[in-house]
C-alpha atoms as a PDB file:
ATOM      1  CA  UNK A   1      -1.883 -16.187 -22.003  1.00  0.00           C
ATOM      2  CA  UNK A   2       1.153 -15.959 -19.755  1.00  0.00           C
ATOM      3  CA  UNK A   3       0.873 -12.145 -19.539  1.00  0.00           C
ATOM      4  CA  UNK A   4      -2.701 -12.474 -18.281  1.00  0.00           C
ATOM      5  CA  UNK A   5      -1.504 -14.864 -15.575  1.00  0.00           C
ATOM      6  CA  UNK A   6       1.204 -12.415 -14.497  1.00  0.00           C
ATOM      7  CA  UNK A   7      -1.304  -9.554 -14.387  1.00  0.00           C
ATOM      8  CA  UNK A   8      -3.649 -11.662 -12.249  1.00  0.00           C
ATOM      9  CA  UNK A   9      -0.797 -12.421  -9.857  1.00  0.00           C
ATOM     10  CA  UNK A  10       0.092  -8.732  -9.602  1.00  0.00           C
ATOM     11  CA  UNK A  11      -3.523  -7.802  -8.884  1.00  0.00           C
ATOM     12  CA  UNK A  12      -3.743 -10.521  -6.216  1.00  0.00           C
ATOM     13  CA  UNK A  13      -0.516  -9.374  -4.540  1.00  0.00           C
ATOM     14  CA  UNK A  14      -1.520  -5.719  -4.562  1.00  0.00           C
ATOM     15  CA  UNK A  15      -4.910  -6.613  -3.107  1.00  0.00           C
ATOM     16  CA  UNK A  16      -3.253  -8.603  -0.321  1.00  0.00           C
ATOM     17  CA  UNK A  17      -0.829  -5.747   0.395  1.00  0.00           C
ATOM     18  CA  UNK A  18      -3.645  -3.197   0.597  1.00  0.00           C
ATOM     19  CA  UNK A  19      -5.674  -5.457   2.891  1.00  0.00           C
ATOM     20  CA  UNK A  20      -2.697  -6.004   5.205  1.00  0.00           C
ATOM     21  CA  UNK A  21      -1.924  -2.281   5.303  1.00  0.00           C
ATOM     22  CA  UNK A  22      -5.553  -1.564   6.129  1.00  0.00           C
ATOM     23  CA  UNK A  23      -5.359  -3.928   9.134  1.00  0.00           C
ATOM     24  CA  UNK A  24      -2.054  -2.567  10.479  1.00  0.00           C
ATOM     25  CA  UNK A  25      -1.879  -0.421  13.582  1.00  0.00           C
ATOM     26  CA  UNK A  26      -1.430   3.291  12.860  1.00  0.00           C
ATOM     27  CA  UNK A  27       2.194   3.101  14.010  1.00  0.00           C
ATOM     28  CA  UNK A  28       3.012   0.045  11.891  1.00  0.00           C
ATOM     29  CA  UNK A  29       1.227   1.517   8.889  1.00  0.00           C
ATOM     30  CA  UNK A  30       3.104   4.798   9.072  1.00  0.00           C
ATOM     31  CA  UNK A  31       6.441   3.066   9.622  1.00  0.00           C
ATOM     32  CA  UNK A  32       5.846   0.768   6.641  1.00  0.00           C
ATOM     33  CA  UNK A  33       4.736   3.651   4.440  1.00  0.00           C
ATOM     34  CA  UNK A  34       7.700   5.846   5.291  1.00  0.00           C
ATOM     35  CA  UNK A  35      10.182   3.001   4.943  1.00  0.00           C
ATOM     36  CA  UNK A  36       8.881   1.821   1.573  1.00  0.00           C
ATOM     37  CA  UNK A  37       8.622   5.314   0.100  1.00  0.00           C
ATOM     38  CA  UNK A  38      12.079   6.284   1.339  1.00  0.00           C
ATOM     39  CA  UNK A  39      13.807   3.389  -0.448  1.00  0.00           C
ATOM     40  CA  UNK A  40      11.897   3.722  -3.742  1.00  0.00           C
ATOM     41  CA  UNK A  41      14.507   5.122  -6.124  1.00  0.00           C
ATOM     42  CA  UNK A  42      12.682   4.919  -9.443  1.00  0.00           C
ATOM     43  CA  UNK A  43       9.941   7.522  -9.982  1.00  0.00           C
ATOM     44  CA  UNK A  44       7.543   4.896 -11.382  1.00  0.00           C
ATOM     45  CA  UNK A  45       8.042   2.684  -8.332  1.00  0.00           C
ATOM     46  CA  UNK A  46       7.450   5.616  -5.987  1.00  0.00           C
ATOM     47  CA  UNK A  47       4.296   6.625  -7.893  1.00  0.00           C
ATOM     48  CA  UNK A  48       3.066   3.019  -7.754  1.00  0.00           C
ATOM     49  CA  UNK A  49       3.644   2.817  -4.002  1.00  0.00           C
ATOM     50  CA  UNK A  50       1.908   6.149  -3.453  1.00  0.00           C
ATOM     51  CA  UNK A  51      -1.155   4.774  -5.274  1.00  0.00           C
ATOM     52  CA  UNK A  52      -1.054   1.617  -3.150  1.00  0.00           C
ATOM     53  CA  UNK A  53      -0.901   3.638   0.064  1.00  0.00           C
ATOM     54  CA  UNK A  54      -3.674   5.943  -1.149  1.00  0.00           C
ATOM     55  CA  UNK A  55      -5.928   2.927  -1.735  1.00  0.00           C
ATOM     56  CA  UNK A  56      -4.964   1.455   1.637  1.00  0.00           C
ATOM     57  CA  UNK A  57      -5.799   4.729   3.380  1.00  0.00           C
ATOM     58  CA  UNK A  58      -9.273   4.643   1.851  1.00  0.00           C
ATOM     59  CA  UNK A  59      -9.828   1.292   3.606  1.00  0.00           C
ATOM     60  CA  UNK A  60      -8.292   2.309   6.933  1.00  0.00           C
ATOM     61  CA  UNK A  61     -10.548   3.617   9.709  1.00  0.00           C
ATOM     62  CA  UNK A  62     -10.451   7.354  10.255  1.00  0.00           C
ATOM     63  CA  UNK A  63      -8.591   8.168  13.444  1.00  0.00           C
ATOM     64  CA  UNK A  64      -9.685  11.267  15.312  1.00  0.00           C
ATOM     65  CA  UNK A  65      -7.747  12.623  18.222  1.00  0.00           C
ATOM     66  CA  UNK A  66      -9.730  14.151  21.057  1.00  0.00           C
ATOM     67  CA  UNK A  67      -8.156  16.719  23.364  1.00  0.00           C
END
């Protein structure tokens, strides 16, 4: 029962992180992404963060630059 509670907490925290990343300005988002990926030493942690950022990018608005 305790493992289920921990898994629910992890899901809730990841959901909150993705929602906050989706609301961030492009500059803040990129800075956060680069900072978090640069300090991830363990391959599993880096892979996890890459999945989180991939999901966050799916929720972020597409930015097009006009010249």
